[in-house]
Protein backbone atom coordinates (compact mmCIF):
# COMPACT_ATOMS: atom_id res chain seq x y z
CA UNK A 1 -55.13 59.88 48.68
CA UNK A 2 -52.91 56.79 48.82
CA UNK A 3 -53.29 56.26 45.08
CA UNK A 4 -52.22 59.83 44.39
CA UNK A 5 -49.19 59.43 46.65
CA UNK A 6 -48.16 56.26 44.80
CA UNK A 7 -48.46 58.03 41.44
CA UNK A 8 -46.36 60.94 42.71
CA UNK A 9 -43.76 58.58 44.17
CA UNK A 10 -43.46 56.63 40.91
CA UNK A 11 -43.24 59.85 38.92
CA UNK A 12 -40.46 61.06 41.21
CA UNK A 13 -38.48 57.82 40.95
CA UNK A 14 -38.61 57.96 37.15
CA UNK A 15 -36.76 61.28 37.30
CA UNK A 16 -33.98 60.18 39.65
CA UNK A 17 -30.70 58.52 38.61
CA UNK A 18 -31.09 54.73 38.25
CA UNK A 19 -27.66 54.11 39.82
CA UNK A 20 -28.99 55.62 43.08
CA UNK A 21 -32.35 53.87 43.03
CA UNK A 22 -31.66 51.73 46.13
CA UNK A 23 -30.88 54.77 48.29
CA UNK A 24 -33.70 56.87 46.80
CA UNK A 25 -36.24 54.07 47.28
CA UNK A 26 -35.13 53.60 50.90
CA UNK A 27 -35.48 57.34 51.55
CA UNK A 28 -38.88 57.37 49.90
CA UNK A 29 -40.11 54.46 52.03
CA UNK A 30 -38.96 56.35 55.14
CA UNK A 31 -41.16 59.26 54.06
CA UNK A 32 -44.26 57.14 53.29
CA UNK A 33 -43.82 53.81 55.15
CA UNK A 34 -47.49 52.89 54.63
CA UNK A 35 -46.79 52.56 50.87
CA UNK A 36 -43.88 50.12 51.23
CA UNK A 37 -45.68 47.18 49.55
CA UNK A 38 -46.91 49.25 46.60
CA UNK A 39 -43.51 50.86 46.04
CA UNK A 40 -41.50 47.64 46.26
CA UNK A 41 -43.83 45.86 43.82
CA UNK A 42 -44.02 48.77 41.35
CA UNK A 43 -40.42 50.04 41.21
CA UNK A 44 -37.83 47.99 39.36
CA UNK A 45 -34.46 47.96 41.08
CA UNK A 46 -31.02 47.28 39.60
CA UNK A 47 -30.29 43.57 39.59
CA UNK A 48 -27.98 42.15 42.24
CA UNK A 49 -25.57 39.25 41.73
CA UNK A 50 -25.00 36.15 43.89
CA UNK A 51 -22.89 33.01 43.45
CA UNK A 52 -24.20 29.46 43.25
CA UNK A 53 -21.55 27.67 45.31
CA UNK A 54 -22.75 24.26 44.08
CA UNK A 55 -22.32 25.06 40.37
CA UNK A 56 -19.77 27.87 40.86
CA UNK A 57 -21.80 30.19 38.64
CA UNK A 58 -23.21 33.69 39.19
CA UNK A 59 -26.95 34.32 39.06
CA UNK A 60 -29.24 37.34 39.40
CA UNK A 61 -31.53 38.13 42.31
CA UNK A 62 -35.11 39.38 42.04
CA UNK A 63 -38.53 38.89 43.63
CA UNK A 64 -39.25 35.99 41.29
CA UNK A 65 -36.58 33.71 42.79
CA UNK A 66 -36.83 34.91 46.39
CA UNK A 67 -38.29 32.97 49.30
CA UNK A 68 -37.91 34.86 52.55
CA UNK A 69 -34.27 35.95 52.77
CA UNK A 70 -33.02 33.24 50.40
CA UNK A 71 -32.74 33.22 46.62
CA UNK A 72 -33.02 30.22 44.32
CA UNK A 73 -30.29 29.63 41.75
CA UNK A 74 -31.49 28.72 38.24
CA UNK A 75 -28.42 26.51 37.78
CA UNK A 76 -28.76 24.12 40.72
CA UNK A 77 -32.40 24.86 41.69
CA UNK A 78 -31.24 25.30 45.31
CA UNK A 79 -31.67 28.23 47.67
CA UNK A 80 -28.82 30.28 49.13
CA UNK A 81 -28.71 30.57 52.09
CA UNK A 82 -30.26 27.08 52.30
CA UNK A 83 -33.86 26.80 53.54
CA UNK A 84 -36.29 23.93 54.00
CA UNK A 85 -39.36 23.57 51.79
CA UNK A 86 -38.40 26.45 49.52
CA UNK A 87 -40.77 27.35 46.68
CA UNK A 88 -39.43 25.56 43.57
CA UNK A 89 -41.03 25.23 40.11
CA UNK A 90 -42.87 22.14 38.90
CA UNK A 91 -41.00 19.55 36.85
CA UNK A 92 -42.47 20.97 33.63
CA UNK A 93 -41.48 24.52 34.52
CA UNK A 94 -38.04 23.42 35.71
CA UNK A 95 -37.36 21.77 32.35
CA UNK A 96 -38.48 24.93 30.56
CA UNK A 97 -36.34 27.01 32.92
CA UNK A 98 -33.22 24.97 32.18
CA UNK A 99 -33.76 25.29 28.43
CA UNK A 100 -34.32 29.05 28.74
CA UNK A 101 -31.16 29.57 30.79
CA UNK A 102 -29.06 27.70 28.23
CA UNK A 103 -30.62 29.65 25.33
CA UNK A 104 -30.33 33.09 26.90
CA UNK A 105 -26.80 32.35 28.08
CA UNK A 106 -25.85 32.14 24.39
CA UNK A 107 -27.97 35.21 23.54
CA UNK A 108 -26.28 37.25 26.29
CA UNK A 109 -22.80 36.27 25.16
CA UNK A 110 -23.52 37.18 21.54
CA UNK A 111 -25.24 40.51 22.22
CA UNK A 112 -23.45 41.73 25.35
CA UNK A 113 -20.06 39.98 25.12
CA UNK A 114 -20.18 39.12 28.80
CA UNK A 115 -22.45 39.91 31.72
CA UNK A 116 -24.86 37.63 33.59
CA UNK A 117 -28.28 36.24 32.68
CA UNK A 118 -30.87 34.30 34.67
CA UNK A 119 -34.30 32.90 33.76
CA UNK A 120 -37.07 31.83 36.15
CA UNK A 121 -40.43 30.21 35.35
CA UNK A 122 -43.46 29.29 37.43
CA UNK A 123 -47.02 28.02 37.00
CA UNK A 124 -49.95 30.43 37.35
CA UNK A 125 -52.88 29.54 39.60
CA UNK A 126 -55.50 30.10 36.89
CA UNK A 127 -53.69 28.28 34.10
CA UNK A 128 -50.74 29.11 31.93
CA UNK A 129 -47.34 30.10 33.22
CA UNK A 130 -45.08 33.10 33.64
CA UNK A 131 -41.37 33.76 33.54
CA UNK A 132 -38.71 36.37 34.10
CA UNK A 133 -35.65 36.83 31.89
CA UNK A 134 -32.93 38.95 33.52
CA UNK A 135 -29.74 40.32 31.96
CA UNK A 136 -27.06 42.45 33.59
CA UNK A 137 -23.86 43.87 32.10
CA UNK A 138 -21.49 46.23 33.92
CA UNK A 139 -18.34 47.96 32.79
CA UNK A 140 -15.47 49.67 34.62
CA UNK A 141 -12.61 51.15 32.60
CA UNK A 142 -9.73 51.85 35.01
CA UNK A 143 -12.10 53.58 37.47
CA UNK A 144 -12.61 56.39 34.95
CA UNK A 145 -15.68 55.17 33.11
CA UNK A 146 -18.39 53.04 34.71
CA UNK A 147 -21.60 51.74 33.20
CA UNK A 148 -24.44 49.31 33.83
CA UNK A 149 -27.23 47.75 31.78
CA UNK A 150 -30.10 45.96 33.57
CA UNK A 151 -32.95 44.44 31.58
CA UNK A 152 -35.95 42.76 33.19
CA UNK A 153 -38.41 40.91 30.94
CA UNK A 154 -41.56 39.46 32.50
CA UNK A 155 -43.59 37.17 30.25
CA UNK A 156 -47.11 35.75 30.71
CA UNK A 157 -48.11 32.76 28.57
CA UNK A 158 -51.60 31.31 28.10
CA UNK A 159 -51.95 28.33 25.81
CA UNK A 160 -55.11 28.02 23.73
CA UNK A 161 -56.49 26.10 20.78
CA UNK A 162 -55.66 22.68 22.25
CA UNK A 163 -52.12 23.86 22.88
CA UNK A 164 -51.38 24.70 19.25
CA UNK A 165 -51.30 28.45 19.88
CA UNK A 166 -50.36 30.64 22.81
CA UNK A 167 -50.92 34.24 23.85
CA UNK A 168 -47.76 36.00 25.07
CA UNK A 169 -47.69 39.22 27.07
CA UNK A 170 -44.23 40.72 27.53
CA UNK A 171 -43.39 43.63 29.84
CA UNK A 172 -39.80 44.82 29.53
CA UNK A 173 -37.85 47.35 31.58
CA UNK A 174 -34.31 48.49 30.84
CA UNK A 175 -32.22 50.56 33.26
CA UNK A 176 -29.07 52.14 31.88
CA UNK A 177 -26.51 54.48 33.44
CA UNK A 178 -23.07 55.78 32.52
CA UNK A 179 -20.57 57.67 34.65
CA UNK A 180 -17.50 59.46 33.33
CA UNK A 181 -14.93 60.64 35.91
CA UNK A 182 -11.96 61.48 33.71
CA UNK A 183 -9.96 64.49 34.89
CA UNK A 184 -9.84 66.22 31.52
CA UNK A 185 -13.59 66.26 30.93
CA UNK A 186 -14.90 66.31 34.50
CA UNK A 187 -17.61 64.09 35.97
CA UNK A 188 -20.74 63.33 33.99
CA UNK A 189 -23.63 61.05 34.92
CA UNK A 190 -26.11 59.88 32.31
CA UNK A 191 -28.86 57.42 33.06
CA UNK A 192 -32.50 56.52 32.72
CA UNK A 193 -35.00 53.70 32.42
CA UNK A 194 -37.56 52.71 29.83
CA UNK A 195 -40.48 50.28 29.93
CA UNK A 196 -42.42 48.78 27.04
CA UNK A 197 -45.19 46.18 26.66
CA UNK A 198 -46.23 43.97 23.77
CA UNK A 199 -48.72 41.12 23.25
CA UNK A 200 -48.69 38.46 20.56
CA UNK A 201 -50.40 35.22 19.53
CA UNK A 202 -47.89 32.69 18.19
CA UNK A 203 -48.05 29.03 17.14
CA UNK A 204 -46.50 26.34 19.34
CA UNK A 205 -45.78 22.62 19.01
CA UNK A 206 -45.91 19.83 21.54
CA UNK A 207 -42.26 20.55 22.31
CA UNK A 208 -41.85 23.05 25.17
CA UNK A 209 -38.80 24.46 23.41
CA UNK A 210 -41.12 26.21 20.95
CA UNK A 211 -42.07 28.53 23.81
CA UNK A 212 -38.39 29.41 24.25
CA UNK A 213 -38.14 30.23 20.53
CA UNK A 214 -41.20 32.49 20.69
CA UNK A 215 -40.16 34.20 23.91
CA UNK A 216 -36.59 34.61 22.69
CA UNK A 217 -37.74 36.30 19.50
CA UNK A 218 -39.97 38.72 21.40
CA UNK A 219 -37.23 39.58 23.91
CA UNK A 220 -34.65 40.10 21.17
CA UNK A 221 -36.92 42.43 19.19
CA UNK A 222 -37.94 44.33 22.33
CA UNK A 223 -34.35 44.89 23.45
CA UNK A 224 -33.36 46.12 19.99
CA UNK A 225 -36.27 48.59 20.00
CA UNK A 226 -35.47 49.85 23.49
CA UNK A 227 -31.78 50.11 22.65
CA UNK A 228 -32.64 52.25 19.63
CA UNK A 229 -34.89 54.53 21.67
CA UNK A 230 -32.25 54.94 24.39
CA UNK A 231 -29.64 55.78 21.78
CA UNK A 232 -31.90 58.41 20.20
CA UNK A 233 -33.43 59.91 23.32
CA UNK A 234 -30.64 59.81 25.89
CA UNK A 235 -27.48 59.92 23.81
CA UNK A 236 -28.80 61.84 20.82
CA UNK A 237 -30.44 64.62 22.82
CA UNK A 238 -27.52 64.83 25.24
CA UNK A 239 -25.12 65.22 22.33
CA UNK A 240 -27.30 67.98 20.89
CA UNK A 241 -27.35 69.86 24.19
CA UNK A 242 -23.59 69.51 24.65
CA UNK A 243 -22.92 70.78 21.14
CA UNK A 244 -25.13 73.80 21.83
CA UNK A 245 -23.59 74.78 25.17
CA UNK A 246 -19.98 73.72 24.64
CA UNK A 247 -17.90 74.52 21.57
CA UNK A 248 -14.47 73.18 20.68
CA UNK A 249 -13.69 76.46 18.86
CA UNK A 250 -12.53 79.44 20.95
CA UNK A 251 -14.60 82.63 20.97
CA UNK A 252 -12.20 84.71 18.87
CA UNK A 253 -12.07 82.10 16.11
CA UNK A 254 -15.86 81.86 16.14
CA UNK A 255 -16.15 85.66 15.73
CA UNK A 256 -13.78 85.58 12.77
CA UNK A 257 -15.73 82.70 11.23
CA UNK A 258 -19.03 84.55 11.66
CA UNK A 259 -17.51 87.75 10.21
CA UNK A 260 -16.21 85.85 7.18
CA UNK A 261 -19.57 84.15 6.65
CA UNK A 262 -21.37 87.48 6.87
CA UNK A 263 -18.91 89.01 4.39
CA UNK A 264 -19.50 86.22 1.88
CA UNK A 265 -23.25 86.57 2.27
CA UNK A 266 -23.09 90.34 1.67
CA UNK A 267 -20.87 89.87 -1.40
CA UNK A 268 -23.37 87.41 -2.88
CA UNK A 269 -26.23 89.84 -2.30
CA UNK A 270 -24.32 92.72 -3.91
CA UNK A 271 -23.50 90.57 -6.95
CA UNK A 272 -27.14 89.63 -7.35
CA UNK A 273 -28.20 93.27 -7.20
CA UNK A 274 -25.56 94.24 -9.81
CA UNK A 275 -26.71 91.47 -12.14
CA UNK A 276 -30.34 92.61 -11.78
CA UNK A 277 -29.51 96.23 -12.59
């Protein structure tokens, strides 16, 4: 019964606007409080932003950098609010984390022309390591057009073949929403989320930066694929629906156009019949 409730809850959340996911998730937990752990671990939420007061840089919050009520900054490796004995990565993972943040900071600037990115890495208990690459970009055009892009990439890496190859498993989720509140066109909300998964075996060298190169290539390709699907599914289909239900030509002009088209078609048919006879 609990499994069926979780499936129904996840199916419901996929159909609700991503910009309201915090409120909808809270309401859902109030309805089925015994599923709180399953829902919080299964439902991706829009990324929140905090400031690293030591480095004066923004960073993104998620479960992967949380310890209690504090969140670790990838820039200073310190928790805010400060706590004692917070869970920090090993020296090897911290070095990889620093390299990833520098690399994806450049990637974010080139692809998104702004926004915020954060990367977190940690060792796995049974060997290998995992990481999370987070990117957030918001827009607000004079309070008339608002938008948000949240991408969450979770990567699992298992080295094999004496460390000369590695198996990568990438799970990516993108949440996108747009809101238009211009007076002339009225209010329109458009949003949705998409998740994809891919696995690859790629060569590595003794340098840990080769993992960043491999992960970066997979993330870049995945985001391009998801961006293409979102453009086709959400924007393409919405444009088709709008064109079908809303015309820029008034009804009288459309009737005249249809009458003219019908007249031309009849004239062509009559000419063909005359030529045949």
